[in-house]
């Protein structure tokens, strides 16, 4: 099958969650289909990264969106019903490139990741289309609204309403739909959300595997550190949880590792000598291997936290929120430890730091859980079957 894949980012290198999902699924789809990979970007992309992807897909096109064009597009979106998240990525130069690819490649099917990209193919009514929502952007925006200030709340509320309407419209217009977790599917507002197949992420357990090395930090948090839910989580950890931990263990250290830390995140290391903000690292496994406990008290956001899967695959004991674990599905107090209040997180962390046997018990259980339940190959097969079903009959009810 000729498969057009439309992404809002170039899916390599693997430093963000949507890139990770796209890369692993597309890599496996490309073994069975003729894939035309169409990527948008607002940054310069290294030629070696494009060459890497060219070795996977038969065709690849990267369209760079200049920042000035993005600003003009966002200004115009203020007077339309289009969500700003969609307007940010939808531009005439990219639409013309898509239209050309349609004429020359003549795809049998289009796969879009996130509603950010759907505007490019929505008017190709006779072309079978699959939308990977990944997570529920409208609910994520709604949760961000709760923490917004006087100036941002009206804008966030308006964007939430736009996203709800747009997500519902795309569920009507696309033939097949996928999402990362049952929790996220239930957060969609469309009455026919049960038509959306649950296809979770996986974890590369050959790449992310246990290492025996010296521990230089007590706690670790990883992620894209300009992503609001990650910023909110690490501030919660530093400001509300860490002070309680340090009442009993004054020297407790924290490593914050991930790309693009905002000034607010970098400031944490300036104010506390026991906190390290690494920024981008050449190999994130070094960060996982350097700490005793993984702590991710996620308070907002949607989707499946890849950071938890990776940490468990590297045999780290993990402490997180029920919100984050609902998408993962690990057994509380066995494969993962769940907090609600700051004192819950602090007590879990103190017990793990003070008891090596307990660290090993939780780590071993989490390791077995993730190896059993999260496999990229199985999930890519489910997506392949979902896409293929659009050409042969009604949509299957898929939950991996």
Protein backbone atom coordinates (compact mmCIF):
# COMPACT_ATOMS: atom_id res chain seq x y z
CA UNK A 1 0.00 0.00 0.00
CA UNK A 2 1.13 3.56 -0.70
CA UNK A 3 0.93 5.28 2.69
CA UNK A 4 1.23 9.04 3.21
CA UNK A 5 2.25 9.85 6.81
CA UNK A 6 1.83 13.46 7.94
CA UNK A 7 3.68 14.58 11.10
CA UNK A 8 3.95 17.93 12.86
CA UNK A 9 7.63 17.27 13.66
CA UNK A 10 10.57 15.46 12.14
CA UNK A 11 10.57 12.20 14.17
CA UNK A 12 14.30 11.98 14.75
CA UNK A 13 16.22 12.38 17.03
CA UNK A 14 13.99 10.87 19.71
CA UNK A 15 13.74 13.57 22.37
CA UNK A 16 9.95 14.13 22.48
CA UNK A 17 7.00 11.82 23.01
CA UNK A 18 5.21 12.39 19.69
CA UNK A 19 8.49 11.87 17.82
CA UNK A 20 9.14 8.62 19.68
CA UNK A 21 5.71 7.21 18.83
CA UNK A 22 5.91 8.31 15.20
CA UNK A 23 9.42 6.95 14.71
CA UNK A 24 8.77 3.48 16.07
CA UNK A 25 5.40 3.03 14.38
CA UNK A 26 6.53 4.41 11.01
CA UNK A 27 9.73 2.33 11.08
CA UNK A 28 7.63 -0.81 11.35
CA UNK A 29 4.92 0.28 8.89
CA UNK A 30 7.64 1.01 6.33
CA UNK A 31 8.58 -2.69 6.31
CA UNK A 32 5.19 -3.53 4.78
CA UNK A 33 4.19 -0.36 2.92
CA UNK A 34 5.60 2.25 0.56
CA UNK A 35 5.76 5.19 3.00
CA UNK A 36 5.89 8.85 1.99
CA UNK A 37 6.91 10.68 5.18
CA UNK A 38 5.79 14.31 5.20
CA UNK A 39 7.12 16.36 8.14
CA UNK A 40 6.66 19.94 9.29
CA UNK A 41 9.23 21.85 11.30
CA UNK A 42 9.91 25.35 12.61
CA UNK A 43 13.61 24.56 13.11
CA UNK A 44 16.62 23.70 10.99
CA UNK A 45 17.01 19.93 10.74
CA UNK A 46 20.43 18.30 10.58
CA UNK A 47 21.07 16.56 7.29
CA UNK A 48 22.20 13.40 9.06
CA UNK A 49 18.80 13.16 10.76
CA UNK A 50 17.01 13.42 7.42
CA UNK A 51 19.40 10.87 5.93
CA UNK A 52 18.60 8.50 8.80
CA UNK A 53 14.87 8.73 8.05
CA UNK A 54 15.52 8.39 4.32
CA UNK A 55 17.02 5.01 5.09
CA UNK A 56 13.65 3.96 6.56
CA UNK A 57 11.07 5.48 4.21
CA UNK A 58 10.98 5.39 0.43
CA UNK A 59 10.13 9.11 0.27
CA UNK A 60 10.62 11.93 2.73
CA UNK A 61 9.78 15.62 2.54
CA UNK A 62 10.46 18.19 5.25
CA UNK A 63 8.74 21.58 5.00
CA UNK A 64 10.18 24.30 7.18
CA UNK A 65 7.71 26.87 8.51
CA UNK A 66 9.40 30.23 9.18
CA UNK A 67 8.47 31.80 12.50
CA UNK A 68 7.14 34.97 10.84
CA UNK A 69 4.68 32.89 8.82
CA UNK A 70 3.55 31.14 11.97
CA UNK A 71 2.87 34.44 13.72
CA UNK A 72 0.79 35.70 10.79
CA UNK A 73 -1.14 32.42 10.71
CA UNK A 74 -1.88 32.61 14.43
CA UNK A 75 -3.08 36.19 14.09
CA UNK A 76 -5.51 35.13 11.34
CA UNK A 77 -6.68 32.18 13.43
CA UNK A 78 -7.88 34.57 16.12
CA UNK A 79 -10.74 35.47 13.76
CA UNK A 80 -11.64 31.89 12.83
CA UNK A 81 -12.83 28.75 14.59
CA UNK A 82 -9.61 26.88 13.90
CA UNK A 83 -7.71 25.86 17.07
CA UNK A 84 -4.43 27.73 17.44
CA UNK A 85 -2.65 24.34 17.72
CA UNK A 86 -3.91 23.51 14.23
CA UNK A 87 -3.34 26.99 12.78
CA UNK A 88 0.27 26.95 14.05
CA UNK A 89 1.04 24.02 11.76
CA UNK A 90 -1.22 24.70 8.75
CA UNK A 91 0.36 26.86 6.04
CA UNK A 92 -0.11 27.41 2.34
CA UNK A 93 3.44 26.41 1.40
CA UNK A 94 3.02 23.07 3.16
CA UNK A 95 -0.48 22.55 1.74
CA UNK A 96 0.86 23.03 -1.79
CA UNK A 97 3.60 20.50 -1.04
CA UNK A 98 0.98 18.01 0.22
CA UNK A 99 -1.16 18.60 -2.87
CA UNK A 100 1.86 17.91 -5.07
CA UNK A 101 2.61 14.71 -3.16
CA UNK A 102 -1.01 13.65 -3.66
CA UNK A 103 -0.71 14.12 -7.41
CA UNK A 104 2.68 12.46 -7.82
CA UNK A 105 2.70 9.77 -5.11
CA UNK A 106 -1.04 8.99 -5.38
CA UNK A 107 -1.35 7.44 -1.90
CA UNK A 108 -3.83 4.72 -1.08
CA UNK A 109 -4.15 5.92 2.51
CA UNK A 110 -3.15 8.89 4.70
CA UNK A 111 -2.07 8.61 8.34
CA UNK A 112 -2.02 11.82 10.39
CA UNK A 113 -0.47 12.08 13.83
CA UNK A 114 -2.29 14.56 16.12
CA UNK A 115 -5.17 16.78 15.00
CA UNK A 116 -2.51 19.42 14.29
CA UNK A 117 -1.92 17.85 10.87
CA UNK A 118 -5.42 16.84 9.77
CA UNK A 119 -6.25 20.08 7.98
CA UNK A 120 -3.85 19.09 5.20
CA UNK A 121 -5.88 16.06 4.10
CA UNK A 122 -9.41 16.62 5.42
CA UNK A 123 -10.75 17.77 2.04
CA UNK A 124 -9.50 14.68 0.20
CA UNK A 125 -12.86 13.04 0.76
CA UNK A 126 -12.30 9.91 -1.33
CA UNK A 127 -8.93 9.09 0.24
CA UNK A 128 -9.18 6.69 3.20
CA UNK A 129 -7.64 8.38 6.25
CA UNK A 130 -6.53 7.40 9.75
CA UNK A 131 -6.00 9.86 12.58
CA UNK A 132 -3.75 8.98 15.50
CA UNK A 133 -5.02 11.41 18.12
CA UNK A 134 -2.15 10.24 20.31
CA UNK A 135 -3.72 11.97 23.31
CA UNK A 136 -6.71 14.23 23.94
CA UNK A 137 -5.37 17.74 23.32
CA UNK A 138 -8.62 19.39 24.41
CA UNK A 139 -8.48 17.82 27.88
CA UNK A 140 -4.83 18.74 28.25
CA UNK A 141 -5.69 22.34 27.41
CA UNK A 142 -8.63 22.25 29.82
CA UNK A 143 -6.34 21.13 32.65
CA UNK A 144 -3.84 23.86 31.82
CA UNK A 145 -6.70 26.36 32.13
CA UNK A 146 -7.11 25.44 35.79
CA UNK A 147 -3.58 26.70 36.50
CA UNK A 148 -3.77 29.72 34.20
CA UNK A 149 -3.62 33.29 35.42
CA UNK A 150 -6.10 36.13 34.95
CA UNK A 151 -4.71 36.95 31.49
CA UNK A 152 -4.27 33.46 30.05
CA UNK A 153 -7.43 31.72 31.29
CA UNK A 154 -9.80 33.28 28.72
CA UNK A 155 -7.46 32.32 25.88
CA UNK A 156 -7.00 28.76 27.21
CA UNK A 157 -10.76 28.34 27.64
CA UNK A 158 -11.38 29.48 24.07
CA UNK A 159 -8.70 27.11 22.76
CA UNK A 160 -10.26 24.25 24.75
CA UNK A 161 -13.65 24.88 23.12
CA UNK A 162 -12.08 25.04 19.67
CA UNK A 163 -10.15 21.83 20.21
CA UNK A 164 -13.22 19.95 21.43
CA UNK A 165 -15.18 20.97 18.34
CA UNK A 166 -12.28 20.17 16.02
CA UNK A 167 -11.51 16.78 17.58
CA UNK A 168 -15.18 15.85 17.21
CA UNK A 169 -15.22 16.98 13.58
CA UNK A 170 -12.15 14.92 12.74
CA UNK A 171 -13.72 11.84 14.30
CA UNK A 172 -16.57 12.31 11.81
CA UNK A 173 -14.33 13.01 8.79
CA UNK A 174 -11.64 10.32 9.21
CA UNK A 175 -12.25 6.64 8.49
CA UNK A 176 -10.15 5.20 11.31
CA UNK A 177 -8.90 6.57 14.61
CA UNK A 178 -6.32 5.59 17.22
CA UNK A 179 -5.37 6.94 20.63
CA UNK A 180 -2.69 6.12 23.18
CA UNK A 181 -4.81 4.93 26.12
CA UNK A 182 -8.34 4.01 27.17
CA UNK A 183 -8.17 6.91 29.63
CA UNK A 184 -7.58 9.37 26.80
CA UNK A 185 -10.35 7.83 24.70
CA UNK A 186 -12.82 8.42 27.52
CA UNK A 187 -11.74 12.08 27.61
CA UNK A 188 -12.90 12.66 24.04
CA UNK A 189 -16.26 14.42 23.93
CA UNK A 190 -17.61 12.71 20.81
CA UNK A 191 -20.52 10.31 21.54
CA UNK A 192 -18.97 7.74 19.17
CA UNK A 193 -15.58 7.73 20.88
CA UNK A 194 -15.78 3.94 21.27
CA UNK A 195 -14.90 3.79 17.56
CA UNK A 196 -11.39 4.98 18.47
CA UNK A 197 -8.87 2.14 18.77
CA UNK A 198 -6.55 2.12 21.77
CA UNK A 199 -2.98 1.60 20.54
CA UNK A 200 -0.46 2.40 23.29
CA UNK A 201 3.20 3.25 22.98
CA UNK A 202 5.87 0.66 23.42
CA UNK A 203 9.36 0.73 24.80
CA UNK A 204 12.53 -0.53 23.16
CA UNK A 205 13.63 -2.96 25.87
CA UNK A 206 16.85 -3.79 24.02
CA UNK A 207 17.88 -0.13 24.05
CA UNK A 208 16.45 0.70 27.49
CA UNK A 209 17.83 -2.09 29.65
CA UNK A 210 19.29 -2.28 33.18
CA UNK A 211 22.79 -0.93 33.83
CA UNK A 212 24.98 -1.43 36.85
CA UNK A 213 26.74 1.86 37.45
CA UNK A 214 27.51 4.36 40.19
CA UNK A 215 24.51 6.38 41.39
CA UNK A 216 25.32 10.08 41.45
CA UNK A 217 21.79 11.34 42.23
CA UNK A 218 18.97 10.23 44.48
CA UNK A 219 16.04 11.33 42.30
CA UNK A 220 15.49 11.76 38.58
CA UNK A 221 12.90 13.51 36.42
CA UNK A 222 13.18 13.39 32.62
CA UNK A 223 11.24 14.88 29.75
CA UNK A 224 10.85 17.73 27.32
CA UNK A 225 11.42 20.57 29.76
CA UNK A 226 9.54 23.27 27.87
CA UNK A 227 6.34 21.18 27.90
CA UNK A 228 3.92 22.72 30.45
CA UNK A 229 2.86 19.44 32.17
CA UNK A 230 6.54 18.52 32.70
CA UNK A 231 7.35 22.00 34.03
CA UNK A 232 4.36 21.83 36.37
CA UNK A 233 5.42 18.38 37.58
CA UNK A 234 9.04 19.24 38.30
CA UNK A 235 8.03 22.45 40.13
CA UNK A 236 5.62 20.40 42.24
CA UNK A 237 8.43 17.95 42.99
CA UNK A 238 10.93 20.66 43.95
CA UNK A 239 8.63 23.03 45.79
CA UNK A 240 6.21 20.68 47.56
CA UNK A 241 7.74 17.20 47.77
CA UNK A 242 11.49 17.71 48.08
CA UNK A 243 11.27 19.91 51.23
CA UNK A 244 9.38 17.10 53.01
CA UNK A 245 11.97 14.54 51.91
CA UNK A 246 14.84 16.72 53.07
CA UNK A 247 13.41 17.03 56.56
CA UNK A 248 14.55 13.41 57.00
CA UNK A 249 17.29 13.22 54.32
CA UNK A 250 18.82 16.74 54.03
CA UNK A 251 21.26 15.79 51.29
CA UNK A 252 18.72 14.40 48.82
CA UNK A 253 19.74 15.32 45.28
CA UNK A 254 17.72 15.64 42.08
CA UNK A 255 18.67 15.39 38.41
CA UNK A 256 16.34 17.06 35.90
CA UNK A 257 17.27 15.75 32.47
CA UNK A 258 15.68 16.66 29.13
CA UNK A 259 15.71 19.00 26.18
CA UNK A 260 14.92 22.72 26.16
CA UNK A 261 14.65 23.55 29.87
CA UNK A 262 12.92 26.89 30.32
CA UNK A 263 14.53 29.69 32.36
CA UNK A 264 12.18 28.79 35.22
CA UNK A 265 13.49 25.22 35.23
CA UNK A 266 17.14 26.30 34.93
CA UNK A 267 16.63 28.64 37.88
CA UNK A 268 15.96 25.62 40.12
CA UNK A 269 19.60 24.55 39.82
CA UNK A 270 20.84 28.09 40.50
CA UNK A 271 18.88 28.24 43.73
CA UNK A 272 19.75 24.74 44.99
CA UNK A 273 23.23 23.16 44.71
CA UNK A 274 21.73 19.67 45.07
CA UNK A 275 19.62 20.09 41.92
CA UNK A 276 21.18 19.53 38.49
CA UNK A 277 19.48 20.60 35.25
CA UNK A 278 21.32 18.85 32.44
CA UNK A 279 19.46 20.04 29.35
CA UNK A 280 19.82 17.83 26.30
CA UNK A 281 22.03 14.77 26.86
CA UNK A 282 23.60 12.60 24.17
CA UNK A 283 22.19 9.42 25.74
CA UNK A 284 19.21 9.66 28.10
CA UNK A 285 20.05 6.19 29.44
CA UNK A 286 22.99 7.75 31.26
CA UNK A 287 20.53 9.88 33.23
CA UNK A 288 18.31 6.92 34.13
CA UNK A 289 21.33 4.89 35.22
CA UNK A 290 22.67 7.73 37.40
CA UNK A 291 19.74 7.91 39.86
CA UNK A 292 18.20 5.65 42.49
CA UNK A 293 14.52 6.63 42.16
CA UNK A 294 12.43 8.01 39.30
CA UNK A 295 9.91 10.61 40.51
CA UNK A 296 7.23 12.02 38.18
CA UNK A 297 4.35 13.57 40.15
CA UNK A 298 2.36 14.51 37.03
CA UNK A 299 -0.54 16.81 37.93
CA UNK A 300 -1.78 17.83 34.48
CA UNK A 301 -1.49 16.57 30.91
CA UNK A 302 -2.78 13.62 28.95
CA UNK A 303 -1.34 10.67 27.08
CA UNK A 304 1.05 7.95 28.15
CA UNK A 305 4.24 8.97 29.92
CA UNK A 306 7.10 7.38 27.97
CA UNK A 307 9.45 8.43 30.74
CA UNK A 308 7.80 5.90 33.07
CA UNK A 309 8.09 3.07 30.56
CA UNK A 310 11.75 3.85 29.93
CA UNK A 311 12.57 4.10 33.64
CA UNK A 312 10.86 0.80 34.41
CA UNK A 313 12.63 -0.85 31.45
CA UNK A 314 15.93 0.26 33.01
CA UNK A 315 14.83 -1.34 36.28
CA UNK A 316 14.24 1.88 38.21
CA UNK A 317 11.60 2.11 40.96
CA UNK A 318 9.04 4.73 39.91
CA UNK A 319 6.87 7.11 41.94
CA UNK A 320 4.13 8.91 40.04
CA UNK A 321 0.50 10.09 40.16
CA UNK A 322 -2.68 8.15 39.53
CA UNK A 323 -3.26 10.47 36.55
CA UNK A 324 -0.06 9.25 34.89
CA UNK A 325 -0.49 5.61 35.87
CA UNK A 326 -4.05 5.39 34.59
CA UNK A 327 -2.61 5.31 31.06
CA UNK A 328 0.21 2.91 32.01
CA UNK A 329 -1.88 0.47 34.03
CA UNK A 330 0.85 -0.74 36.39
CA UNK A 331 -0.25 -2.32 39.69
CA UNK A 332 0.10 0.22 42.54
CA UNK A 333 2.43 -0.82 45.37
CA UNK A 334 3.80 -3.63 43.22
CA UNK A 335 5.12 -2.33 39.91
CA UNK A 336 4.80 1.37 40.73
CA UNK A 337 4.14 3.64 43.71
CA UNK A 338 1.32 6.20 43.51
CA UNK A 339 1.09 9.53 45.30
CA UNK A 340 -1.81 11.90 45.79
CA UNK A 341 -0.62 14.54 48.25
CA UNK A 342 2.99 15.81 48.63
CA UNK A 343 3.32 13.76 51.80
CA UNK A 344 2.45 10.58 49.84
CA UNK A 345 5.23 11.18 47.35
CA UNK A 346 7.68 12.09 50.10
CA UNK A 347 6.89 8.93 52.10
CA UNK A 348 7.32 6.72 49.02
CA UNK A 349 10.63 8.39 48.15
CA UNK A 350 11.96 8.15 51.70
CA UNK A 351 11.08 4.47 51.92
CA UNK A 352 12.80 3.71 48.62
CA UNK A 353 15.90 5.73 49.39
CA UNK A 354 16.20 4.14 52.81
CA UNK A 355 15.59 0.53 51.82
CA UNK A 356 17.62 -1.01 48.99
CA UNK A 357 15.57 -4.22 49.11
CA UNK A 358 12.35 -2.23 48.61
CA UNK A 359 13.91 -0.37 45.68
CA UNK A 360 14.82 -3.67 44.07
CA UNK A 361 11.35 -5.16 44.71
CA UNK A 362 9.48 -2.31 43.00
CA UNK A 363 12.08 -2.02 40.22
CA UNK A 364 11.96 -5.75 39.42
CA UNK A 365 8.16 -5.79 39.30
CA UNK A 366 8.05 -2.70 37.08
CA UNK A 367 10.67 -4.19 34.79
CA UNK A 368 8.65 -7.37 34.26
CA UNK A 369 5.44 -5.38 33.79
CA UNK A 370 6.77 -3.13 31.05
CA UNK A 371 8.46 -5.96 29.17
CA UNK A 372 5.19 -7.90 29.18
CA UNK A 373 2.76 -5.13 28.21
CA UNK A 374 4.55 -2.59 26.00
CA UNK A 375 5.89 -3.85 22.70
CA UNK A 376 6.35 -1.56 19.66
CA UNK A 377 6.05 -4.44 17.20
CA UNK A 378 2.68 -5.60 18.51
CA UNK A 379 1.33 -2.05 18.59
CA UNK A 380 2.54 -1.29 15.05
CA UNK A 381 0.79 -4.46 13.87
CA UNK A 382 -2.44 -3.22 15.47
CA UNK A 383 -2.11 0.12 13.69
CA UNK A 384 -1.36 -1.66 10.41
CA UNK A 385 -4.51 -3.77 10.81
CA UNK A 386 -6.54 -0.67 11.61
CA UNK A 387 -5.31 1.10 8.46
CA UNK A 388 -5.86 -1.95 6.27
CA UNK A 389 -9.40 -2.40 7.61
CA UNK A 390 -10.39 0.94 6.09
CA UNK A 391 -10.12 -0.75 2.68
CA UNK A 392 -12.01 -3.91 3.50
CA UNK A 393 -14.90 -3.29 5.87
CA UNK A 394 -16.09 -1.79 9.16
CA UNK A 395 -13.58 -0.66 11.79
CA UNK A 396 -12.48 -3.32 14.28
CA UNK A 397 -12.72 -2.55 17.99
CA UNK A 398 -9.03 -2.52 18.82
CA UNK A 399 -7.44 -2.33 22.24
CA UNK A 400 -3.86 -3.54 22.53
